[in-house]
Amino acid sequence: MQTLPSKHRREWADLLIGSHEIKLTNFILQMKVTNARKKIKEGSLSLSDAIDEIYDLCEKYQKAIGMENDIRQIFNQGMKSENKTLIF
């Protein structure tokens, strides 16, 4: 099983604060990210806790339909300006 990029990478935070709009294909990940963004804005969930929740979801279901592609897209999006590609 592949390991996810570290939860300390800025792309996790970017995903949750909406710095980079990414069209996610895994429905559960879409719902969780949307819900986490709402809770962060309301102040009922910290960014750190939201990252933990999304990371745990991605780790548990990284081989689910669409999840692997979504993870690639999240991390390649953040690396485009650096001219790097994430090898998963």
C-alpha atoms as a PDB file:
ATOM      1  CA  MET A   1       0.000   0.000   0.000  1.00  0.00           C
ATOM      2  CA  GLN A   2       1.249   3.472  -0.888  1.00  0.00           C
ATOM      3  CA  THR A   3       1.713   5.986   1.858  1.00  0.00           C
ATOM      4  CA  LEU A   4       0.098   9.378   1.719  1.00  0.00           C
ATOM      5  CA  PRO A   5       2.135  12.562   1.619  1.00  0.00           C
ATOM      6  CA  SER A   6       2.769  13.886   5.120  1.00  0.00           C
ATOM      7  CA  LYS A   7      -0.158  15.616   6.780  1.00  0.00           C
ATOM      8  CA  HIS A   8       2.212  18.527   7.407  1.00  0.00           C
ATOM      9  CA  ARG A   9       2.328  19.377   3.698  1.00  0.00           C
ATOM     10  CA  ARG A  10       0.622  22.645   2.822  1.00  0.00           C
ATOM     11  CA  GLU A  11      -1.635  21.031   0.214  1.00  0.00           C
ATOM     12  CA  TRP A  12      -3.840  19.547   2.958  1.00  0.00           C
ATOM     13  CA  ALA A  13      -4.459  23.020   4.386  1.00  0.00           C
ATOM     14  CA  ASP A  14      -4.882  24.505   0.896  1.00  0.00           C
ATOM     15  CA  LEU A  15      -7.586  21.931   0.166  1.00  0.00           C
ATOM     16  CA  LEU A  16      -9.477  22.808   3.337  1.00  0.00           C
ATOM     17  CA  ILE A  17      -9.224  26.575   3.185  1.00  0.00           C
ATOM     18  CA  GLY A  18     -10.010  26.631  -0.527  1.00  0.00           C
ATOM     19  CA  SER A  19      -6.720  28.105  -1.757  1.00  0.00           C
ATOM     20  CA  HIS A  20      -6.806  25.743  -4.715  1.00  0.00           C
ATOM     21  CA  GLU A  21     -10.125  24.658  -6.132  1.00  0.00           C
ATOM     22  CA  ILE A  22      -9.854  21.021  -7.075  1.00  0.00           C
ATOM     23  CA  LYS A  23     -12.685  19.032  -8.613  1.00  0.00           C
ATOM     24  CA  LEU A  24     -12.772  15.914  -6.459  1.00  0.00           C
ATOM     25  CA  THR A  25     -14.249  12.748  -7.938  1.00  0.00           C
ATOM     26  CA  ASN A  26     -14.684  10.653  -4.783  1.00  0.00           C
ATOM     27  CA  PHE A  27     -18.100  11.605  -3.415  1.00  0.00           C
ATOM     28  CA  ILE A  28     -17.292  10.873   0.230  1.00  0.00           C
ATOM     29  CA  LEU A  29     -14.131  12.986   0.053  1.00  0.00           C
ATOM     30  CA  GLN A  30     -16.150  15.790  -1.588  1.00  0.00           C
ATOM     31  CA  MET A  31     -18.690  15.702   1.244  1.00  0.00           C
ATOM     32  CA  LYS A  32     -16.085  15.545   3.994  1.00  0.00           C
ATOM     33  CA  VAL A  33     -14.048  18.432   2.549  1.00  0.00           C
ATOM     34  CA  THR A  34     -17.175  20.569   2.077  1.00  0.00           C
ATOM     35  CA  ASN A  35     -18.334  19.819   5.623  1.00  0.00           C
ATOM     36  CA  ALA A  36     -14.882  20.504   7.084  1.00  0.00           C
ATOM     37  CA  ARG A  37     -14.625  23.837   5.230  1.00  0.00           C
ATOM     38  CA  LYS A  38     -18.006  24.871   6.655  1.00  0.00           C
ATOM     39  CA  LYS A  39     -17.024  23.899  10.208  1.00  0.00           C
ATOM     40  CA  ILE A  40     -13.680  25.698   9.910  1.00  0.00           C
ATOM     41  CA  LYS A  41     -15.468  28.879   8.805  1.00  0.00           C
ATOM     42  CA  GLU A  42     -17.940  28.538  11.687  1.00  0.00           C
ATOM     43  CA  GLY A  43     -15.080  28.035  14.116  1.00  0.00           C
ATOM     44  CA  SER A  44     -16.353  24.664  15.320  1.00  0.00           C
ATOM     45  CA  LEU A  45     -13.396  22.749  13.861  1.00  0.00           C
ATOM     46  CA  SER A  46      -9.742  23.704  13.810  1.00  0.00           C
ATOM     47  CA  LEU A  47      -7.738  23.446  10.609  1.00  0.00           C
ATOM     48  CA  SER A  48      -5.427  20.962  12.308  1.00  0.00           C
ATOM     49  CA  ASP A  49      -8.312  18.692  13.331  1.00  0.00           C
ATOM     50  CA  ALA A  50      -9.847  18.966   9.858  1.00  0.00           C
ATOM     51  CA  ILE A  51      -6.545  17.940   8.283  1.00  0.00           C
ATOM     52  CA  ASP A  52      -6.410  14.940  10.627  1.00  0.00           C
ATOM     53  CA  GLU A  53      -9.943  13.896   9.617  1.00  0.00           C
ATOM     54  CA  ILE A  54      -9.349  14.232   5.876  1.00  0.00           C
ATOM     55  CA  TYR A  55      -5.935  12.566   6.105  1.00  0.00           C
ATOM     56  CA  ASP A  56      -7.402   9.623   8.042  1.00  0.00           C
ATOM     57  CA  LEU A  57     -10.190   9.257   5.478  1.00  0.00           C
ATOM     58  CA  CYS A  58      -7.733   9.313   2.577  1.00  0.00           C
ATOM     59  CA  GLU A  59      -5.436   6.869   4.321  1.00  0.00           C
ATOM     60  CA  LYS A  60      -8.232   4.416   5.047  1.00  0.00           C
ATOM     61  CA  TYR A  61      -9.835   4.605   1.590  1.00  0.00           C
ATOM     62  CA  GLN A  62      -6.938   5.543  -0.682  1.00  0.00           C
ATOM     63  CA  LYS A  63      -7.755   2.662  -3.038  1.00  0.00           C
ATOM     64  CA  ALA A  64     -11.471   3.515  -3.283  1.00  0.00           C
ATOM     65  CA  ILE A  65     -12.902   4.660  -6.605  1.00  0.00           C
ATOM     66  CA  GLY A  66     -11.581   8.111  -7.407  1.00  0.00           C
ATOM     67  CA  MET A  67      -9.638   8.568  -4.167  1.00  0.00           C
ATOM     68  CA  GLU A  68      -6.210   7.771  -5.592  1.00  0.00           C
ATOM     69  CA  ASN A  69      -6.748  10.180  -8.493  1.00  0.00           C
ATOM     70  CA  ASP A  70      -8.029  12.878  -6.138  1.00  0.00           C
ATOM     71  CA  ILE A  71      -4.955  12.537  -3.939  1.00  0.00           C
ATOM     72  CA  ARG A  72      -2.696  12.768  -6.985  1.00  0.00           C
ATOM     73  CA  GLN A  73      -4.542  15.847  -8.181  1.00  0.00           C
ATOM     74  CA  ILE A  74      -4.357  17.562  -4.767  1.00  0.00           C
ATOM     75  CA  PHE A  75      -0.620  17.142  -4.537  1.00  0.00           C
ATOM     76  CA  ASN A  76       0.293  17.670  -8.182  1.00  0.00           C
ATOM     77  CA  GLN A  77      -1.757  20.901  -8.183  1.00  0.00           C
ATOM     78  CA  GLY A  78       0.390  22.293  -5.382  1.00  0.00           C
ATOM     79  CA  MET A  79       3.594  21.198  -7.090  1.00  0.00           C
ATOM     80  CA  LYS A  80       2.944  22.588 -10.592  1.00  0.00           C
ATOM     81  CA  SER A  81       4.651  25.850  -9.833  1.00  0.00           C
ATOM     82  CA  GLU A  82       7.675  23.926  -8.581  1.00  0.00           C
ATOM     83  CA  ASN A  83       7.811  21.763 -11.747  1.00  0.00           C
ATOM     84  CA  LYS A  84       7.655  18.543  -9.724  1.00  0.00           C
ATOM     85  CA  THR A  85       5.427  15.518 -10.049  1.00  0.00           C
ATOM     86  CA  LEU A  86       4.261  13.346  -7.196  1.00  0.00           C
ATOM     87  CA  ILE A  87       5.059   9.700  -7.796  1.00  0.00           C
ATOM     88  CA  PHE A  88       2.461   7.632  -5.979  1.00  0.00           C
END
